[in-house]
């Protein structure tokens, strides 16, 4: 529960607190994005499975949330941050290219700004 206390004991002038919040927010964004994507899009993009990415990103976020973000000496924090960066920079664009950026709602449509074409 050190991580939760680290977040609650905030100081707006402390840059370490802001870095902690930024890392947690980034990991939460990557996890939420991985959860909302379709399972078949991961296979079609020739990436690891959805379960793999959700598990890695959930463990990464949970570790930092429970035990605190320690990005100077914490190997778990740094490894999780690298995994989140790999997901957002490599896996997410590949899946968005296949699904049209629509997450789990289907593929591209033939509609332009003024209707179908």
PDB file of N, CA and C in Angstrom:
ATOM      1  N   UNK A   1       0.810  -1.203   0.000  1.00  0.00           N
ATOM      2  CA  UNK A   1       0.000   0.000   0.000  1.00  0.00           C
ATOM      3  C   UNK A   1       0.848   1.260   0.000  1.00  0.00           C
ATOM      4  N   UNK A   2       2.145   1.099  -0.174  1.00  0.00           N
ATOM      5  CA  UNK A   2       3.023   2.253  -0.220  1.00  0.00           C
ATOM      6  C   UNK A   2       2.705   3.120  -1.428  1.00  0.00           C
ATOM      7  N   UNK A   3       2.322   2.486  -2.543  1.00  0.00           N
ATOM      8  CA  UNK A   3       2.024   3.226  -3.758  1.00  0.00           C
ATOM      9  C   UNK A   3       0.837   4.151  -3.612  1.00  0.00           C
ATOM     10  N   UNK A   4      -0.206   3.680  -2.974  1.00  0.00           N
ATOM     11  CA  UNK A   4      -1.389   4.511  -2.769  1.00  0.00           C
ATOM     12  C   UNK A   4      -1.051   5.677  -1.853  1.00  0.00           C
ATOM     13  N   UNK A   5      -0.264   5.428  -0.820  1.00  0.00           N
ATOM     14  CA  UNK A   5       0.148   6.502   0.086  1.00  0.00           C
ATOM     15  C   UNK A   5       1.042   7.508  -0.629  1.00  0.00           C
ATOM     16  N   UNK A   6       1.855   7.003  -1.558  1.00  0.00           N
ATOM     17  CA  UNK A   6       2.727   7.891  -2.322  1.00  0.00           C
ATOM     18  C   UNK A   6       1.900   8.844  -3.185  1.00  0.00           C
ATOM     19  N   UNK A   7       0.803   8.377  -3.706  1.00  0.00           N
ATOM     20  CA  UNK A   7      -0.064   9.219  -4.529  1.00  0.00           C
ATOM     21  C   UNK A   7      -0.836  10.201  -3.658  1.00  0.00           C
ATOM     22  N   UNK A   8      -1.337   9.734  -2.521  1.00  0.00           N
ATOM     23  CA  UNK A   8      -2.149  10.585  -1.665  1.00  0.00           C
ATOM     24  C   UNK A   8      -1.320  11.657  -0.955  1.00  0.00           C
ATOM     25  N   UNK A   9      -0.066  11.374  -0.676  1.00  0.00           N
ATOM     26  CA  UNK A   9       0.794  12.357  -0.016  1.00  0.00           C
ATOM     27  C   UNK A   9       1.408  13.255  -1.076  1.00  0.00           C
ATOM     28  N   UNK A  10       0.579  14.027  -1.722  1.00  0.00           N
ATOM     29  CA  UNK A  10       1.036  14.817  -2.860  1.00  0.00           C
ATOM     30  C   UNK A  10       1.575  16.174  -2.438  1.00  0.00           C
ATOM     31  N   UNK A  11       2.394  16.689  -3.279  1.00  0.00           N
ATOM     32  CA  UNK A  11       2.939  18.021  -3.134  1.00  0.00           C
ATOM     33  C   UNK A  11       3.020  18.607  -4.537  1.00  0.00           C
ATOM     34  N   UNK A  12       2.268  19.633  -4.772  1.00  0.00           N
ATOM     35  CA  UNK A  12       2.188  20.191  -6.119  1.00  0.00           C
ATOM     36  C   UNK A  12       3.520  20.744  -6.620  1.00  0.00           C
ATOM     37  N   UNK A  13       4.432  21.075  -5.734  1.00  0.00           N
ATOM     38  CA  UNK A  13       5.709  21.633  -6.136  1.00  0.00           C
ATOM     39  C   UNK A  13       6.798  20.575  -6.281  1.00  0.00           C
ATOM     40  N   UNK A  14       6.491  19.336  -6.007  1.00  0.00           N
ATOM     41  CA  UNK A  14       7.464  18.260  -6.073  1.00  0.00           C
ATOM     42  C   UNK A  14       7.438  17.620  -7.466  1.00  0.00           C
ATOM     43  N   UNK A  15       8.514  17.752  -8.254  1.00  0.00           N
ATOM     44  CA  UNK A  15       8.505  17.166  -9.602  1.00  0.00           C
ATOM     45  C   UNK A  15       8.485  15.644  -9.593  1.00  0.00           C
ATOM     46  N   UNK A  16       8.965  15.034  -8.531  1.00  0.00           N
ATOM     47  CA  UNK A  16       8.916  13.574  -8.434  1.00  0.00           C
ATOM     48  C   UNK A  16       7.469  13.108  -8.340  1.00  0.00           C
ATOM     49  N   UNK A  17       6.632  13.850  -7.622  1.00  0.00           N
ATOM     50  CA  UNK A  17       5.212  13.499  -7.525  1.00  0.00           C
ATOM     51  C   UNK A  17       4.560  13.581  -8.896  1.00  0.00           C
ATOM     52  N   UNK A  18       4.885  14.624  -9.656  1.00  0.00           N
ATOM     53  CA  UNK A  18       4.316  14.767 -10.995  1.00  0.00           C
ATOM     54  C   UNK A  18       4.786  13.644 -11.914  1.00  0.00           C
ATOM     55  N   UNK A  19       6.046  13.244 -11.806  1.00  0.00           N
ATOM     56  CA  UNK A  19       6.559  12.135 -12.610  1.00  0.00           C
ATOM     57  C   UNK A  19       5.863  10.827 -12.230  1.00  0.00           C
ATOM     58  N   UNK A  20       5.601  10.640 -10.951  1.00  0.00           N
ATOM     59  CA  UNK A  20       4.876   9.457 -10.487  1.00  0.00           C
ATOM     60  C   UNK A  20       3.485   9.406 -11.093  1.00  0.00           C
ATOM     61  N   UNK A  21       2.771  10.511 -11.046  1.00  0.00           N
ATOM     62  CA  UNK A  21       1.426  10.558 -11.602  1.00  0.00           C
ATOM     63  C   UNK A  21       1.459  10.350 -13.115  1.00  0.00           C
ATOM     64  N   UNK A  22       2.461  10.923 -13.795  1.00  0.00           N
ATOM     65  CA  UNK A  22       2.573  10.772 -15.246  1.00  0.00           C
ATOM     66  C   UNK A  22       2.823   9.318 -15.635  1.00  0.00           C
ATOM     67  N   UNK A  23       3.689   8.642 -14.898  1.00  0.00           N
ATOM     68  CA  UNK A  23       3.981   7.236 -15.190  1.00  0.00           C
ATOM     69  C   UNK A  23       2.747   6.385 -14.964  1.00  0.00           C
ATOM     70  N   UNK A  24       2.055   6.591 -13.856  1.00  0.00           N
ATOM     71  CA  UNK A  24       0.842   5.817 -13.594  1.00  0.00           C
ATOM     72  C   UNK A  24      -0.243   6.099 -14.633  1.00  0.00           C
ATOM     73  N   UNK A  25      -0.394   7.341 -15.030  1.00  0.00           N
ATOM     74  CA  UNK A  25      -1.405   7.683 -16.031  1.00  0.00           C
ATOM     75  C   UNK A  25      -1.074   7.051 -17.386  1.00  0.00           C
ATOM     76  N   UNK A  26       0.191   7.054 -17.748  1.00  0.00           N
ATOM     77  CA  UNK A  26       0.610   6.458 -19.013  1.00  0.00           C
ATOM     78  C   UNK A  26       0.351   4.952 -19.018  1.00  0.00           C
ATOM     79  N   UNK A  27       0.675   4.302 -17.909  1.00  0.00           N
ATOM     80  CA  UNK A  27       0.443   2.864 -17.818  1.00  0.00           C
ATOM     81  C   UNK A  27      -1.050   2.537 -17.806  1.00  0.00           C
ATOM     82  N   UNK A  28      -1.838   3.369 -17.157  1.00  0.00           N
ATOM     83  CA  UNK A  28      -3.282   3.158 -17.146  1.00  0.00           C
ATOM     84  C   UNK A  28      -3.870   3.367 -18.539  1.00  0.00           C
ATOM     85  N   UNK A  29      -3.386   4.364 -19.269  1.00  0.00           N
ATOM     86  CA  UNK A  29      -3.835   4.581 -20.637  1.00  0.00           C
ATOM     87  C   UNK A  29      -3.528   3.374 -21.521  1.00  0.00           C
ATOM     88  N   UNK A  30      -2.309   2.845 -21.422  1.00  0.00           N
ATOM     89  CA  UNK A  30      -1.926   1.682 -22.229  1.00  0.00           C
ATOM     90  C   UNK A  30      -2.781   0.474 -21.871  1.00  0.00           C
ATOM     91  N   UNK A  31      -3.041   0.272 -20.594  1.00  0.00           N
ATOM     92  CA  UNK A  31      -3.873  -0.849 -20.156  1.00  0.00           C
ATOM     93  C   UNK A  31      -5.305  -0.700 -20.652  1.00  0.00           C
ATOM     94  N   UNK A  32      -5.873   0.485 -20.513  1.00  0.00           N
ATOM     95  CA  UNK A  32      -7.251   0.710 -20.971  1.00  0.00           C
ATOM     96  C   UNK A  32      -7.367   0.526 -22.480  1.00  0.00           C
ATOM     97  N   UNK A  33      -6.372   0.968 -23.216  1.00  0.00           N
ATOM     98  CA  UNK A  33      -6.396   0.803 -24.666  1.00  0.00           C
ATOM     99  C   UNK A  33      -6.291  -0.670 -25.046  1.00  0.00           C
ATOM    100  N   UNK A  34      -5.441  -1.414 -24.366  1.00  0.00           N
ATOM    101  CA  UNK A  34      -5.284  -2.841 -24.661  1.00  0.00           C
ATOM    102  C   UNK A  34      -6.560  -3.612 -24.363  1.00  0.00           C
ATOM    103  N   UNK A  35      -7.258  -3.222 -23.322  1.00  0.00           N
ATOM    104  CA  UNK A  35      -8.498  -3.916 -22.957  1.00  0.00           C
ATOM    105  C   UNK A  35      -9.602  -3.660 -23.982  1.00  0.00           C
ATOM    106  N   UNK A  36      -9.641  -2.467 -24.566  1.00  0.00           N
ATOM    107  CA  UNK A  36     -10.734  -2.119 -25.465  1.00  0.00           C
ATOM    108  C   UNK A  36     -10.542  -2.607 -26.898  1.00  0.00           C
ATOM    109  N   UNK A  37      -9.379  -3.108 -27.243  1.00  0.00           N
ATOM    110  CA  UNK A  37      -9.138  -3.594 -28.608  1.00  0.00           C
ATOM    111  C   UNK A  37      -9.656  -5.012 -28.786  1.00  0.00           C
ATOM    112  N   UNK A  38      -9.988  -5.359 -30.024  1.00  0.00           N
ATOM    113  CA  UNK A  38     -10.507  -6.700 -30.331  1.00  0.00           C
ATOM    114  C   UNK A  38      -9.382  -7.728 -30.299  1.00  0.00           C
ATOM    115  N   UNK A  39      -9.724  -8.958 -29.923  1.00  0.00           N
ATOM    116  CA  UNK A  39      -8.746 -10.047 -29.838  1.00  0.00           C
ATOM    117  C   UNK A  39      -8.185 -10.396 -31.218  1.00  0.00           C
ATOM    118  N   UNK A  40      -9.029 -10.464 -32.219  1.00  0.00           N
ATOM    119  CA  UNK A  40      -8.566 -10.870 -33.541  1.00  0.00           C
ATOM    120  C   UNK A  40      -7.665  -9.825 -34.191  1.00  0.00           C
ATOM    121  N   UNK A  41      -7.760  -8.580 -33.776  1.00  0.00           N
ATOM    122  CA  UNK A  41      -6.900  -7.534 -34.340  1.00  0.00           C
ATOM    123  C   UNK A  41      -5.444  -7.756 -33.944  1.00  0.00           C
ATOM    124  N   UNK A  42      -5.199  -8.296 -32.770  1.00  0.00           N
ATOM    125  CA  UNK A  42      -3.828  -8.585 -32.342  1.00  0.00           C
ATOM    126  C   UNK A  42      -3.210  -9.659 -33.238  1.00  0.00           C
ATOM    127  N   UNK A  43      -3.987 -10.698 -33.535  1.00  0.00           N
ATOM    128  CA  UNK A  43      -3.476 -11.761 -34.409  1.00  0.00           C
ATOM    129  C   UNK A  43      -3.299 -11.258 -35.831  1.00  0.00           C
ATOM    130  N   UNK A  44      -4.237 -10.448 -36.309  1.00  0.00           N
ATOM    131  CA  UNK A  44      -4.136  -9.926 -37.673  1.00  0.00           C
ATOM    132  C   UNK A  44      -2.942  -8.991 -37.829  1.00  0.00           C
ATOM    133  N   UNK A  45      -2.584  -8.276 -36.786  1.00  0.00           N
ATOM    134  CA  UNK A  45      -1.433  -7.371 -36.834  1.00  0.00           C
ATOM    135  C   UNK A  45      -0.122  -8.109 -36.586  1.00  0.00           C
ATOM    136  N   UNK A  46      -0.190  -9.426 -36.372  1.00  0.00           N
ATOM    137  CA  UNK A  46       0.974 -10.263 -36.119  1.00  0.00           C
ATOM    138  C   UNK A  46       1.721  -9.811 -34.865  1.00  0.00           C
ATOM    139  N   UNK A  47       0.951  -9.531 -33.806  1.00  0.00           N
ATOM    140  CA  UNK A  47       1.507  -9.157 -32.508  1.00  0.00           C
ATOM    141  C   UNK A  47       1.151 -10.241 -31.505  1.00  0.00           C
ATOM    142  N   UNK A  48       1.664 -10.133 -30.290  1.00  0.00           N
ATOM    143  CA  UNK A  48       1.286 -11.079 -29.239  1.00  0.00           C
ATOM    144  C   UNK A  48      -0.212 -10.980 -28.989  1.00  0.00           C
ATOM    145  N   UNK A  49      -0.762 -11.930 -28.250  1.00  0.00           N
ATOM    146  CA  UNK A  49      -2.209 -11.969 -28.036  1.00  0.00           C
ATOM    147  C   UNK A  49      -2.671 -10.861 -27.106  1.00  0.00           C
ATOM    148  N   UNK A  50      -3.972 -10.637 -27.121  1.00  0.00           N
ATOM    149  CA  UNK A  50      -4.564  -9.621 -26.257  1.00  0.00           C
ATOM    150  C   UNK A  50      -4.341  -9.983 -24.789  1.00  0.00           C
ATOM    151  N   UNK A  51      -4.501 -11.244 -24.451  1.00  0.00           N
ATOM    152  CA  UNK A  51      -4.297 -11.687 -23.075  1.00  0.00           C
ATOM    153  C   UNK A  51      -2.890 -11.407 -22.579  1.00  0.00           C
ATOM    154  N   UNK A  52      -1.903 -11.601 -23.441  1.00  0.00           N
ATOM    155  CA  UNK A  52      -0.512 -11.321 -23.082  1.00  0.00           C
ATOM    156  C   UNK A  52      -0.335  -9.849 -22.736  1.00  0.00           C
ATOM    157  N   UNK A  53      -0.796  -8.971 -23.623  1.00  0.00           N
ATOM    158  CA  UNK A  53      -0.602  -7.538 -23.400  1.00  0.00           C
ATOM    159  C   UNK A  53      -1.399  -7.030 -22.213  1.00  0.00           C
ATOM    160  N   UNK A  54      -2.615  -7.512 -22.051  1.00  0.00           N
ATOM    161  CA  UNK A  54      -3.414  -7.081 -20.905  1.00  0.00           C
ATOM    162  C   UNK A  54      -2.767  -7.545 -19.608  1.00  0.00           C
ATOM    163  N   UNK A  55      -2.261  -8.770 -19.584  1.00  0.00           N
ATOM    164  CA  UNK A  55      -1.615  -9.281 -18.368  1.00  0.00           C
ATOM    165  C   UNK A  55      -0.352  -8.492 -18.037  1.00  0.00           C
ATOM    166  N   UNK A  56       0.499  -8.251 -19.018  1.00  0.00           N
ATOM    167  CA  UNK A  56       1.747  -7.515 -18.778  1.00  0.00           C
ATOM    168  C   UNK A  56       1.450  -6.095 -18.296  1.00  0.00           C
ATOM    169  N   UNK A  57       0.514  -5.427 -18.969  1.00  0.00           N
ATOM    170  CA  UNK A  57       0.217  -4.042 -18.608  1.00  0.00           C
ATOM    171  C   UNK A  57      -0.517  -3.952 -17.266  1.00  0.00           C
ATOM    172  N   UNK A  58      -1.366  -4.932 -16.955  1.00  0.00           N
ATOM    173  CA  UNK A  58      -2.059  -4.941 -15.659  1.00  0.00           C
ATOM    174  C   UNK A  58      -1.082  -5.191 -14.519  1.00  0.00           C
ATOM    175  N   UNK A  59      -0.157  -6.117 -14.713  1.00  0.00           N
ATOM    176  CA  UNK A  59       0.856  -6.370 -13.680  1.00  0.00           C
ATOM    177  C   UNK A  59       1.718  -5.127 -13.487  1.00  0.00           C
ATOM    178  N   UNK A  60       2.094  -4.487 -14.576  1.00  0.00           N
ATOM    179  CA  UNK A  60       2.919  -3.285 -14.508  1.00  0.00           C
ATOM    180  C   UNK A  60       2.216  -2.169 -13.742  1.00  0.00           C
ATOM    181  N   UNK A  61       0.959  -1.921 -14.075  1.00  0.00           N
ATOM    182  CA  UNK A  61       0.211  -0.864 -13.391  1.00  0.00           C
ATOM    183  C   UNK A  61      -0.054  -1.241 -11.938  1.00  0.00           C
ATOM    184  N   UNK A  62      -0.457  -2.472 -11.691  1.00  0.00           N
ATOM    185  CA  UNK A  62      -0.749  -2.919 -10.327  1.00  0.00           C
ATOM    186  C   UNK A  62       0.465  -2.873  -9.422  1.00  0.00           C
ATOM    187  N   UNK A  63       1.618  -3.245  -9.962  1.00  0.00           N
ATOM    188  CA  UNK A  63       2.859  -3.206  -9.187  1.00  0.00           C
ATOM    189  C   UNK A  63       3.148  -1.792  -8.701  1.00  0.00           C
ATOM    190  N   UNK A  64       3.070  -0.843  -9.611  1.00  0.00           N
ATOM    191  CA  UNK A  64       3.365   0.540  -9.235  1.00  0.00           C
ATOM    192  C   UNK A  64       2.289   1.133  -8.343  1.00  0.00           C
ATOM    193  N   UNK A  65       1.048   0.752  -8.560  1.00  0.00           N
ATOM    194  CA  UNK A  65      -0.035   1.290  -7.744  1.00  0.00           C
ATOM    195  C   UNK A  65       0.049   0.784  -6.311  1.00  0.00           C
ATOM    196  N   UNK A  66       0.426  -0.478  -6.149  1.00  0.00           N
ATOM    197  CA  UNK A  66       0.495  -1.051  -4.798  1.00  0.00           C
ATOM    198  C   UNK A  66       1.803  -0.746  -4.079  1.00  0.00           C
ATOM    199  N   UNK A  67       2.922  -0.805  -4.791  1.00  0.00           N
ATOM    200  CA  UNK A  67       4.221  -0.696  -4.134  1.00  0.00           C
ATOM    201  C   UNK A  67       4.927   0.631  -4.375  1.00  0.00           C
ATOM    202  N   UNK A  68       4.363   1.478  -5.173  1.00  0.00           N
ATOM    203  CA  UNK A  68       4.947   2.796  -5.395  1.00  0.00           C
ATOM    204  C   UNK A  68       5.828   2.855  -6.633  1.00  0.00           C
ATOM    205  N   UNK A  69       5.805   3.993  -7.256  1.00  0.00           N
ATOM    206  CA  UNK A  69       6.648   4.220  -8.428  1.00  0.00           C
ATOM    207  C   UNK A  69       8.032   4.609  -7.942  1.00  0.00           C
ATOM    208  N   UNK A  70       9.006   3.782  -8.274  1.00  0.00           N
ATOM    209  CA  UNK A  70      10.384   4.059  -7.903  1.00  0.00           C
ATOM    210  C   UNK A  70      11.212   3.971  -9.173  1.00  0.00           C
ATOM    211  N   UNK A  71      11.222   5.042  -9.951  1.00  0.00           N
ATOM    212  CA  UNK A  71      11.841   4.977 -11.265  1.00  0.00           C
ATOM    213  C   UNK A  71      13.332   5.251 -11.243  1.00  0.00           C
ATOM    214  N   UNK A  72      13.927   5.459 -10.084  1.00  0.00           N
ATOM    215  CA  UNK A  72      15.376   5.591 -10.000  1.00  0.00           C
ATOM    216  C   UNK A  72      16.043   4.232  -9.816  1.00  0.00           C
ATOM    217  N   UNK A  73      15.488   3.385  -8.969  1.00  0.00           N
ATOM    218  CA  UNK A  73      16.092   2.085  -8.697  1.00  0.00           C
ATOM    219  C   UNK A  73      15.131   0.923  -8.885  1.00  0.00           C
ATOM    220  N   UNK A  74      13.871   1.180  -9.171  1.00  0.00           N
ATOM    221  CA  UNK A  74      12.888   0.110  -9.273  1.00  0.00           C
ATOM    222  C   UNK A  74      12.892  -0.550 -10.637  1.00  0.00           C
ATOM    223  N   UNK A  75      13.389  -1.789 -10.694  1.00  0.00           N
ATOM    224  CA  UNK A  75      13.447  -2.506 -11.956  1.00  0.00           C
ATOM    225  C   UNK A  75      12.042  -2.844 -12.447  1.00  0.00           C
ATOM    226  N   UNK A  76      11.104  -3.090 -11.533  1.00  0.00           N
ATOM    227  CA  UNK A  76       9.730  -3.375 -11.931  1.00  0.00           C
ATOM    228  C   UNK A  76       9.067  -2.178 -12.584  1.00  0.00           C
ATOM    229  N   UNK A  77       9.309  -1.004 -12.048  1.00  0.00           N
ATOM    230  CA  UNK A  77       8.746   0.212 -12.626  1.00  0.00           C
ATOM    231  C   UNK A  77       9.314   0.477 -14.007  1.00  0.00           C
ATOM    232  N   UNK A  78      10.621   0.338 -14.146  1.00  0.00           N
ATOM    233  CA  UNK A  78      11.259   0.599 -15.436  1.00  0.00           C
ATOM    234  C   UNK A  78      10.862  -0.440 -16.483  1.00  0.00           C
ATOM    235  N   UNK A  79      10.800  -1.708 -16.092  1.00  0.00           N
ATOM    236  CA  UNK A  79      10.395  -2.749 -17.038  1.00  0.00           C
ATOM    237  C   UNK A  79       8.946  -2.547 -17.473  1.00  0.00           C
ATOM    238  N   UNK A  80       8.084  -2.184 -16.539  1.00  0.00           N
ATOM    239  CA  UNK A  80       6.690  -1.917 -16.889  1.00  0.00           C
ATOM    240  C   UNK A  80       6.532  -0.697 -17.772  1.00  0.00           C
ATOM    241  N   UNK A  81       7.349   0.310 -17.529  1.00  0.00           N
ATOM    242  CA  UNK A  81       7.307   1.504 -18.368  1.00  0.00           C
ATOM    243  C   UNK A  81       7.773   1.182 -19.789  1.00  0.00           C
ATOM    244  N   UNK A  82       8.797   0.359 -19.914  1.00  0.00           N
ATOM    245  CA  UNK A  82       9.253  -0.061 -21.241  1.00  0.00           C
ATOM    246  C   UNK A  82       8.169  -0.861 -21.952  1.00  0.00           C
ATOM    247  N   UNK A  83       7.501  -1.762 -21.232  1.00  0.00           N
ATOM    248  CA  UNK A  83       6.420  -2.540 -21.839  1.00  0.00           C
ATOM    249  C   UNK A  83       5.282  -1.629 -22.292  1.00  0.00           C
ATOM    250  N   UNK A  84       4.941  -0.641 -21.506  1.00  0.00           N
ATOM    251  CA  UNK A  84       3.885   0.300 -21.887  1.00  0.00           C
ATOM    252  C   UNK A  84       4.280   1.119 -23.108  1.00  0.00           C
ATOM    253  N   UNK A  85       5.522   1.539 -23.154  1.00  0.00           N
ATOM    254  CA  UNK A  85       6.004   2.302 -24.310  1.00  0.00           C
ATOM    255  C   UNK A  85       5.992   1.434 -25.567  1.00  0.00           C
ATOM    256  N   UNK A  86       6.416   0.181 -25.446  1.00  0.00           N
ATOM    257  CA  UNK A  86       6.394  -0.725 -26.602  1.00  0.00           C
ATOM    258  C   UNK A  86       4.971  -0.915 -27.097  1.00  0.00           C
ATOM    259  N   UNK A  87       4.023  -1.078 -26.166  1.00  0.00           N
ATOM    260  CA  UNK A  87       2.634  -1.252 -26.583  1.00  0.00           C
ATOM    261  C   UNK A  87       2.130  -0.015 -27.320  1.00  0.00           C
ATOM    262  N   UNK A  88       2.342   1.164 -26.753  1.00  0.00           N
ATOM    263  CA  UNK A  88       1.791   2.394 -27.339  1.00  0.00           C
ATOM    264  C   UNK A  88       2.487   2.744 -28.652  1.00  0.00           C
ATOM    265  N   UNK A  89       3.775   2.481 -28.775  1.00  0.00           N
ATOM    266  CA  UNK A  89       4.522   2.889 -29.967  1.00  0.00           C
ATOM    267  C   UNK A  89       4.461   1.840 -31.081  1.00  0.00           C
ATOM    268  N   UNK A  90       4.381   0.563 -30.736  1.00  0.00           N
ATOM    269  CA  UNK A  90       4.436  -0.486 -31.752  1.00  0.00           C
ATOM    270  C   UNK A  90       3.111  -1.199 -31.968  1.00  0.00           C
ATOM    271  N   UNK A  91       2.513  -1.703 -30.910  1.00  0.00           N
ATOM    272  CA  UNK A  91       1.323  -2.537 -31.043  1.00  0.00           C
ATOM    273  C   UNK A  91       0.085  -1.704 -31.353  1.00  0.00           C
ATOM    274  N   UNK A  92      -0.118  -0.622 -30.641  1.00  0.00           N
ATOM    275  CA  UNK A  92      -1.318   0.198 -30.822  1.00  0.00           C
ATOM    276  C   UNK A  92      -1.461   0.740 -32.243  1.00  0.00           C
ATOM    277  N   UNK A  93      -0.404   1.315 -32.862  1.00  0.00           N
ATOM    278  CA  UNK A  93      -0.580   1.787 -34.243  1.00  0.00           C
ATOM    279  C   UNK A  93      -0.888   0.665 -35.234  1.00  0.00           C
ATOM    280  N   UNK A  94      -0.308  -0.512 -35.030  1.00  0.00           N
ATOM    281  CA  UNK A  94      -0.575  -1.627 -35.933  1.00  0.00           C
ATOM    282  C   UNK A  94      -2.036  -2.065 -35.840  1.00  0.00           C
ATOM    283  N   UNK A  95      -2.568  -2.085 -34.630  1.00  0.00           N
ATOM    284  CA  UNK A  95      -3.963  -2.482 -34.449  1.00  0.00           C
ATOM    285  C   UNK A  95      -4.905  -1.396 -34.963  1.00  0.00           C
ATOM    286  N   UNK A  96      -4.566  -0.154 -34.711  1.00  0.00           N
ATOM    287  CA  UNK A  96      -5.411   0.952 -35.199  1.00  0.00           C
ATOM    288  C   UNK A  96      -5.448   1.003 -36.712  1.00  0.00           C
ATOM    289  N   UNK A  97      -4.350   0.634 -37.377  1.00  0.00           N
ATOM    290  CA  UNK A  97      -4.332   0.627 -38.840  1.00  0.00           C
ATOM    291  C   UNK A  97      -5.288  -0.420 -39.390  1.00  0.00           C
ATOM    292  N   UNK A  98      -5.439  -1.523 -38.674  1.00  0.00           N
ATOM    293  CA  UNK A  98      -6.351  -2.577 -39.128  1.00  0.00           C
ATOM    294  C   UNK A  98      -7.809  -2.289 -38.803  1.00  0.00           C
ATOM    295  N   UNK A  99      -8.046  -1.717 -37.638  1.00  0.00           N
ATOM    296  CA  UNK A  99      -9.428  -1.501 -37.203  1.00  0.00           C
ATOM    297  C   UNK A  99      -9.931  -0.106 -37.510  1.00  0.00           C
ATOM    298  N   UNK A 100      -9.114   0.732 -38.069  1.00  0.00           N
ATOM    299  CA  UNK A 100      -9.547   2.091 -38.364  1.00  0.00           C
ATOM    300  C   UNK A 100      -9.609   2.966 -37.137  1.00  0.00           C
ATOM    301  N   UNK A 101      -8.933   2.581 -36.079  1.00  0.00           N
ATOM    302  CA  UNK A 101      -8.914   3.377 -34.860  1.00  0.00           C
ATOM    303  C   UNK A 101     -10.171   3.279 -34.041  1.00  0.00           C
ATOM    304  N   UNK A 102     -10.996   2.268 -34.326  1.00  0.00           N
ATOM    305  CA  UNK A 102     -12.292   2.216 -33.660  1.00  0.00           C
ATOM    306  C   UNK A 102     -12.351   1.255 -32.496  1.00  0.00           C
ATOM    307  N   UNK A 103     -11.237   0.765 -32.033  1.00  0.00           N
ATOM    308  CA  UNK A 103     -11.242  -0.125 -30.875  1.00  0.00           C
ATOM    309  C   UNK A 103     -11.962  -1.419 -31.162  1.00  0.00           C
ATOM    310  N   UNK A 104     -13.005  -1.714 -30.438  1.00  0.00           N
ATOM    311  CA  UNK A 104     -13.737  -2.960 -30.600  1.00  0.00           C
ATOM    312  C   UNK A 104     -15.021  -2.812 -31.371  1.00  0.00           C
ATOM    313  N   UNK A 105     -15.225  -1.727 -32.080  1.00  0.00           N
ATOM    314  CA  UNK A 105     -16.505  -1.473 -32.733  1.00  0.00           C
ATOM    315  C   UNK A 105     -16.535  -1.817 -34.211  1.00  0.00           C
ATOM    316  N   UNK A 106     -15.504  -2.404 -34.752  1.00  0.00           N
ATOM    317  CA  UNK A 106     -15.534  -2.792 -36.160  1.00  0.00           C
ATOM    318  C   UNK A 106     -14.460  -2.116 -36.970  1.00  0.00           C
ATOM    319  N   UNK A 107     -14.510  -2.342 -38.275  1.00  0.00           N
ATOM    320  CA  UNK A 107     -13.483  -1.833 -39.165  1.00  0.00           C
ATOM    321  C   UNK A 107     -13.836  -0.490 -39.772  1.00  0.00           C
ATOM    322  N   UNK A 108     -13.215  -0.221 -40.902  1.00  0.00           N
ATOM    323  CA  UNK A 108     -13.411   1.053 -41.580  1.00  0.00           C
ATOM    324  C   UNK A 108     -14.753   1.084 -42.289  1.00  0.00           C
ATOM    325  N   UNK A 109     -15.242   2.286 -42.503  1.00  0.00           N
ATOM    326  CA  UNK A 109     -16.471   2.455 -43.266  1.00  0.00           C
ATOM    327  C   UNK A 109     -16.168   3.297 -44.495  1.00  0.00           C
ATOM    328  N   UNK A 110     -17.052   3.265 -45.448  1.00  0.00           N
ATOM    329  CA  UNK A 110     -16.867   4.018 -46.684  1.00  0.00           C
ATOM    330  C   UNK A 110     -17.567   5.370 -46.621  1.00  0.00           C
ATOM    331  N   UNK A 111     -17.511   6.025 -45.518  1.00  0.00           N
ATOM    332  CA  UNK A 111     -18.145   7.322 -45.436  1.00  0.00           C
ATOM    333  C   UNK A 111     -17.094   8.399 -45.349  1.00  0.00           C
ATOM    334  N   UNK A 112     -17.310   9.438 -46.129  1.00  0.00           N
ATOM    335  CA  UNK A 112     -16.441  10.591 -46.094  1.00  0.00           C
ATOM    336  C   UNK A 112     -17.056  11.672 -45.229  1.00  0.00           C
ATOM    337  N   UNK A 113     -16.537  12.877 -45.304  1.00  0.00           N
ATOM    338  CA  UNK A 113     -17.063  13.951 -44.472  1.00  0.00           C
ATOM    339  C   UNK A 113     -18.475  14.369 -44.856  1.00  0.00           C
ATOM    340  N   UNK A 114     -18.904  14.044 -46.102  1.00  0.00           N
ATOM    341  CA  UNK A 114     -20.234  14.463 -46.561  1.00  0.00           C
ATOM    342  C   UNK A 114     -21.137  13.295 -46.884  1.00  0.00           C
ATOM    343  N   UNK A 115     -20.777  12.095 -46.465  1.00  0.00           N
ATOM    344  CA  UNK A 115     -21.607  10.937 -46.702  1.00  0.00           C
ATOM    345  C   UNK A 115     -20.810   9.818 -47.363  1.00  0.00           C
ATOM    346  N   UNK A 116     -21.519   8.748 -47.788  1.00  0.00           N
ATOM    347  CA  UNK A 116     -20.811   7.605 -48.371  1.00  0.00           C
ATOM    348  C   UNK A 116     -20.238   7.948 -49.749  1.00  0.00           C
ATOM    349  N   UNK A 117     -19.187   7.252 -50.106  1.00  0.00           N
ATOM    350  CA  UNK A 117     -18.585   7.424 -51.430  1.00  0.00           C
ATOM    351  C   UNK A 117     -18.231   6.093 -52.032  1.00  0.00           C
TER     352      UNK A 117
END
